């Protein structure tokens, strides 16, 4: 008997179990692809009425089967972006906010169109600089830096946990400032008398540790966006090293990239 096909009583070849699994895998791939397209629309106001079209309409618009549409909506529902309401259909419940990567701005500046950013200062004061921090801030090994830990909220919702290190000669002046309502970026420019110049950033996904999850009110082990940013003054001096954990279900990162050959 051939190993790649199973024959029925009529002698016709029937697909193997492996081929059936391939079809199921392809449907899952299609559902994921559709979810990616719909996610973008959800987060950019593509459904201004607040509800998605009926499954049959989505199937027609995207040339997908009803089963594929259902699976795609299930993926989006698991991400907390949509919800199904009896008698209404699938509605948008996303609370993600855009964070641009094109300009060097503080969080309050970035999200000013979406509400008020407030800061809960959990820790602030001098602390010994870990060796990698001292190296990146160009301060002598073993010297103190100003350490700030803030929980940042947008319209009252926990959004990010920021761990900040600053050289003490610059950072000590921040101790008397309003850190609860003002971005550190703005304070640095006011105190140094010069604008910020540029920043080096790294963005990656990490699992929330127990402390971060508790502070951000997120499930332990949930994926968070970790933004590491080293900010320099206009004269090139590094003055602000931050490790920022964003709730991944409440923020999106975007930027404009140009290809220079």
Protein backbone atom coordinates (compact mmCIF):
# COMPACT_ATOMS: atom_id res chain seq x y z
CA UNK A 1 0.00 0.00 0.00
CA UNK A 2 1.40 3.41 -0.85
CA UNK A 3 2.61 5.29 2.21
CA UNK A 4 1.41 8.71 1.10
CA UNK A 5 -2.24 7.95 0.37
CA UNK A 6 -5.05 5.83 1.83
CA UNK A 7 -7.44 4.32 -0.70
CA UNK A 8 -11.17 4.09 -0.06
CA UNK A 9 -13.45 1.29 -1.29
CA UNK A 10 -13.78 2.93 -4.68
CA UNK A 11 -10.07 2.84 -5.20
CA UNK A 12 -9.74 6.62 -5.13
CA UNK A 13 -6.83 8.10 -3.29
CA UNK A 14 -7.71 10.01 -0.14
CA UNK A 15 -5.49 12.62 1.48
CA UNK A 16 -3.22 11.35 4.20
CA UNK A 17 -3.43 12.45 7.81
CA UNK A 18 -0.30 14.52 7.16
CA UNK A 19 -2.02 16.39 4.34
CA UNK A 20 -5.02 17.06 6.60
CA UNK A 21 -2.70 18.49 9.21
CA UNK A 22 -1.13 20.69 6.55
CA UNK A 23 -4.52 22.14 5.68
CA UNK A 24 -5.25 22.84 9.35
CA UNK A 25 -1.85 24.48 9.75
CA UNK A 26 -2.46 26.64 6.70
CA UNK A 27 -5.80 27.76 8.12
CA UNK A 28 -4.04 28.76 11.34
CA UNK A 29 -1.49 30.69 9.29
CA UNK A 30 -4.26 32.47 7.42
CA UNK A 31 -6.02 33.33 10.67
CA UNK A 32 -2.83 34.82 12.07
CA UNK A 33 -2.29 36.83 8.89
CA UNK A 34 -5.84 38.17 9.02
CA UNK A 35 -5.47 39.00 12.71
CA UNK A 36 -2.36 41.05 11.90
CA UNK A 37 -4.26 43.10 9.32
CA UNK A 38 -7.28 43.61 11.56
CA UNK A 39 -5.10 44.52 14.54
CA UNK A 40 -3.67 47.48 12.65
CA UNK A 41 -7.14 48.72 11.82
CA UNK A 42 -8.33 48.28 15.40
CA UNK A 43 -5.48 50.38 16.74
CA UNK A 44 -5.71 53.16 14.16
CA UNK A 45 -9.44 53.85 14.22
CA UNK A 46 -10.29 51.71 11.23
CA UNK A 47 -13.65 50.85 12.77
CA UNK A 48 -14.97 54.25 13.93
CA UNK A 49 -18.36 52.84 14.89
CA UNK A 50 -16.66 50.69 17.50
CA UNK A 51 -17.88 47.40 16.04
CA UNK A 52 -16.41 45.13 13.39
CA UNK A 53 -18.43 44.07 10.35
CA UNK A 54 -20.25 40.75 10.51
CA UNK A 55 -18.10 37.64 10.06
CA UNK A 56 -19.61 37.01 6.63
CA UNK A 57 -18.70 40.55 5.52
CA UNK A 58 -15.15 40.14 6.83
CA UNK A 59 -14.90 36.82 5.01
CA UNK A 60 -15.94 38.50 1.75
CA UNK A 61 -13.76 41.57 2.21
CA UNK A 62 -10.63 39.58 3.02
CA UNK A 63 -11.36 36.55 0.82
CA UNK A 64 -11.22 34.23 3.79
CA UNK A 65 -13.44 31.44 5.04
CA UNK A 66 -15.79 32.00 7.97
CA UNK A 67 -13.72 29.57 10.03
CA UNK A 68 -10.56 31.58 9.33
CA UNK A 69 -12.33 34.80 10.32
CA UNK A 70 -13.53 33.22 13.58
CA UNK A 71 -10.03 32.03 14.41
CA UNK A 72 -8.58 35.48 13.69
CA UNK A 73 -11.15 37.12 15.96
CA UNK A 74 -10.36 34.56 18.65
CA UNK A 75 -6.70 35.62 18.49
CA UNK A 76 -7.63 39.29 18.84
CA UNK A 77 -10.01 38.50 21.69
CA UNK A 78 -7.21 36.65 23.52
CA UNK A 79 -5.09 39.82 23.22
CA UNK A 80 -7.87 41.87 24.82
CA UNK A 81 -8.43 43.97 21.70
CA UNK A 82 -12.00 42.91 20.90
CA UNK A 83 -14.95 41.36 22.72
CA UNK A 84 -18.04 39.59 21.50
CA UNK A 85 -21.33 40.95 22.85
CA UNK A 86 -24.61 39.04 22.39
CA UNK A 87 -26.90 40.80 19.96
CA UNK A 88 -24.18 43.30 19.02
CA UNK A 89 -21.31 41.34 17.53
CA UNK A 90 -17.58 41.90 17.85
CA UNK A 91 -16.70 45.28 19.35
CA UNK A 92 -13.41 47.09 19.80
CA UNK A 93 -12.17 47.30 23.40
CA UNK A 94 -8.49 48.07 22.69
CA UNK A 95 -6.76 50.58 24.99
CA UNK A 96 -3.41 50.81 23.20
CA UNK A 97 -1.73 54.16 22.76
CA UNK A 98 0.84 55.13 20.10
CA UNK A 99 4.42 55.85 21.16
CA UNK A 100 6.50 57.28 18.34
CA UNK A 101 10.17 56.45 17.89
CA UNK A 102 10.89 59.30 15.46
CA UNK A 103 11.50 62.04 18.02
CA UNK A 104 13.14 62.29 21.42
CA UNK A 105 10.28 63.17 23.75
CA UNK A 106 9.13 62.40 27.26
CA UNK A 107 6.07 60.26 27.85
CA UNK A 108 3.79 63.17 28.73
CA UNK A 109 4.85 64.96 25.54
CA UNK A 110 4.35 61.84 23.47
CA UNK A 111 0.86 61.05 24.78
CA UNK A 112 -0.47 64.55 25.44
CA UNK A 113 -3.29 64.05 22.92
CA UNK A 114 -4.50 60.95 24.74
CA UNK A 115 -4.79 62.22 28.29
CA UNK A 116 -2.81 63.12 31.37
CA UNK A 117 0.34 61.30 32.40
CA UNK A 118 1.06 61.18 36.13
CA UNK A 119 4.03 59.69 37.94
CA UNK A 120 4.10 57.79 41.20
CA UNK A 121 7.64 58.25 42.47
CA UNK A 122 8.36 54.98 44.25
CA UNK A 123 12.07 55.53 44.92
CA UNK A 124 14.38 58.52 44.48
CA UNK A 125 17.83 59.22 45.87
CA UNK A 126 21.57 58.62 45.48
CA UNK A 127 22.68 55.03 44.97
CA UNK A 128 25.94 53.31 44.02
CA UNK A 129 26.15 52.96 40.25
CA UNK A 130 26.43 49.39 38.95
CA UNK A 131 29.56 49.11 36.83
CA UNK A 132 27.70 49.00 33.46
CA UNK A 133 25.65 52.05 34.46
CA UNK A 134 28.75 54.02 35.49
CA UNK A 135 30.44 53.13 32.22
CA UNK A 136 27.54 54.26 30.07
CA UNK A 137 27.03 57.50 32.00
CA UNK A 138 30.78 58.23 31.94
CA UNK A 139 31.07 58.52 35.71
CA UNK A 140 33.89 57.00 37.82
CA UNK A 141 33.36 53.37 38.83
CA UNK A 142 31.80 53.05 42.27
CA UNK A 143 30.49 56.60 42.35
CA UNK A 144 26.92 57.45 43.25
CA UNK A 145 24.23 58.30 40.74
CA UNK A 146 20.66 59.49 41.23
CA UNK A 147 18.26 56.57 40.95
CA UNK A 148 14.55 57.16 40.29
CA UNK A 149 11.84 54.53 40.04
CA UNK A 150 8.45 55.73 38.79
CA UNK A 151 5.15 54.11 37.99
CA UNK A 152 3.66 56.10 35.15
CA UNK A 153 -0.07 56.21 34.51
CA UNK A 154 -2.13 57.52 31.63
CA UNK A 155 -5.59 58.65 32.71
CA UNK A 156 -5.12 56.63 35.87
CA UNK A 157 -4.19 53.35 34.14
CA UNK A 158 -0.73 51.85 34.85
CA UNK A 159 1.32 52.19 31.67
CA UNK A 160 5.02 51.86 32.43
CA UNK A 161 7.57 51.24 35.16
CA UNK A 162 10.62 53.48 34.64
CA UNK A 163 14.01 52.89 36.26
CA UNK A 164 16.24 55.93 35.69
CA UNK A 165 19.92 56.62 36.44
CA UNK A 166 21.46 60.11 36.19
CA UNK A 167 24.93 61.50 37.04
CA UNK A 168 24.72 62.94 40.53
CA UNK A 169 26.00 66.41 39.59
CA UNK A 170 23.01 66.75 37.26
CA UNK A 171 20.47 64.55 39.00
CA UNK A 172 20.77 66.01 42.51
CA UNK A 173 19.02 69.17 41.31
CA UNK A 174 15.98 67.05 40.45
CA UNK A 175 15.37 66.22 44.11
CA UNK A 176 13.51 69.48 44.65
CA UNK A 177 11.52 69.29 41.41
CA UNK A 178 7.98 68.14 40.71
CA UNK A 179 8.75 64.62 39.50
CA UNK A 180 5.13 63.57 39.86
CA UNK A 181 3.82 65.84 37.12
CA UNK A 182 6.82 66.73 34.95
CA UNK A 183 8.89 64.72 32.48
CA UNK A 184 12.53 64.28 33.46
CA UNK A 185 13.50 65.36 29.94
CA UNK A 186 11.99 68.80 30.43
CA UNK A 187 13.59 69.17 33.86
CA UNK A 188 17.00 68.21 32.49
CA UNK A 189 16.82 70.87 29.79
CA UNK A 190 15.73 73.51 32.30
CA UNK A 191 18.44 72.62 34.82
CA UNK A 192 21.35 72.23 32.39
CA UNK A 193 20.40 75.15 30.17
CA UNK A 194 20.85 73.14 27.01
CA UNK A 195 18.59 70.93 24.92
CA UNK A 196 18.75 67.18 24.73
CA UNK A 197 20.53 65.97 21.63
CA UNK A 198 20.05 62.30 20.83
CA UNK A 199 19.36 58.93 22.41
CA UNK A 200 20.41 55.36 21.79
CA UNK A 201 17.53 52.92 22.20
CA UNK A 202 16.98 49.19 22.35
CA UNK A 203 13.50 47.69 22.31
CA UNK A 204 12.70 44.09 23.17
CA UNK A 205 9.98 41.94 24.68
CA UNK A 206 10.61 40.46 28.14
CA UNK A 207 8.47 38.58 30.64
CA UNK A 208 7.27 40.62 33.58
CA UNK A 209 8.99 39.66 36.83
CA UNK A 210 6.92 39.43 40.01
CA UNK A 211 7.72 43.00 41.09
CA UNK A 212 7.04 44.59 37.70
CA UNK A 213 3.83 42.62 37.24
CA UNK A 214 2.53 43.68 40.65
CA UNK A 215 3.34 47.36 40.09
CA UNK A 216 1.89 47.41 36.57
CA UNK A 217 -1.14 45.34 37.65
CA UNK A 218 -0.35 42.84 34.91
CA UNK A 219 -0.31 39.02 35.07
CA UNK A 220 3.02 37.64 36.26
CA UNK A 221 5.02 36.45 33.28
CA UNK A 222 3.04 38.59 30.84
CA UNK A 223 5.01 40.05 27.97
CA UNK A 224 6.08 43.68 28.46
CA UNK A 225 7.96 45.97 26.09
CA UNK A 226 11.36 46.86 27.51
CA UNK A 227 12.79 50.13 26.18
CA UNK A 228 16.39 50.81 27.15
CA UNK A 229 17.34 54.41 26.36
CA UNK A 230 20.56 56.35 26.91
CA UNK A 231 19.92 60.06 26.36
CA UNK A 232 22.63 62.65 25.67
CA UNK A 233 22.66 66.43 25.95
CA UNK A 234 23.26 68.47 22.81
CA UNK A 235 26.99 68.58 23.64
CA UNK A 236 27.08 64.77 23.59
CA UNK A 237 27.26 64.10 27.33
CA UNK A 238 25.17 61.07 28.46
CA UNK A 239 22.86 62.18 31.27
CA UNK A 240 19.91 59.79 31.46
CA UNK A 241 19.95 55.99 31.34
CA UNK A 242 16.48 54.43 31.52
CA UNK A 243 15.03 50.94 31.60
CA UNK A 244 11.32 51.32 30.85
CA UNK A 245 8.87 48.45 31.03
CA UNK A 246 5.66 49.19 29.14
CA UNK A 247 2.51 47.13 29.44
CA UNK A 248 2.41 45.51 26.02
CA UNK A 249 -1.38 45.52 25.95
CA UNK A 250 -1.54 49.31 26.31
CA UNK A 251 1.19 50.67 24.03
CA UNK A 252 2.32 50.42 20.42
CA UNK A 253 5.68 51.56 19.08
CA UNK A 254 6.01 53.10 15.63
CA UNK A 255 8.58 55.00 13.64
CA UNK A 256 9.59 56.19 10.19
CA UNK A 257 12.64 54.46 8.74
CA UNK A 258 14.47 55.57 5.63
CA UNK A 259 16.72 53.43 3.49
CA UNK A 260 20.01 55.16 2.65
CA UNK A 261 22.26 53.16 0.37
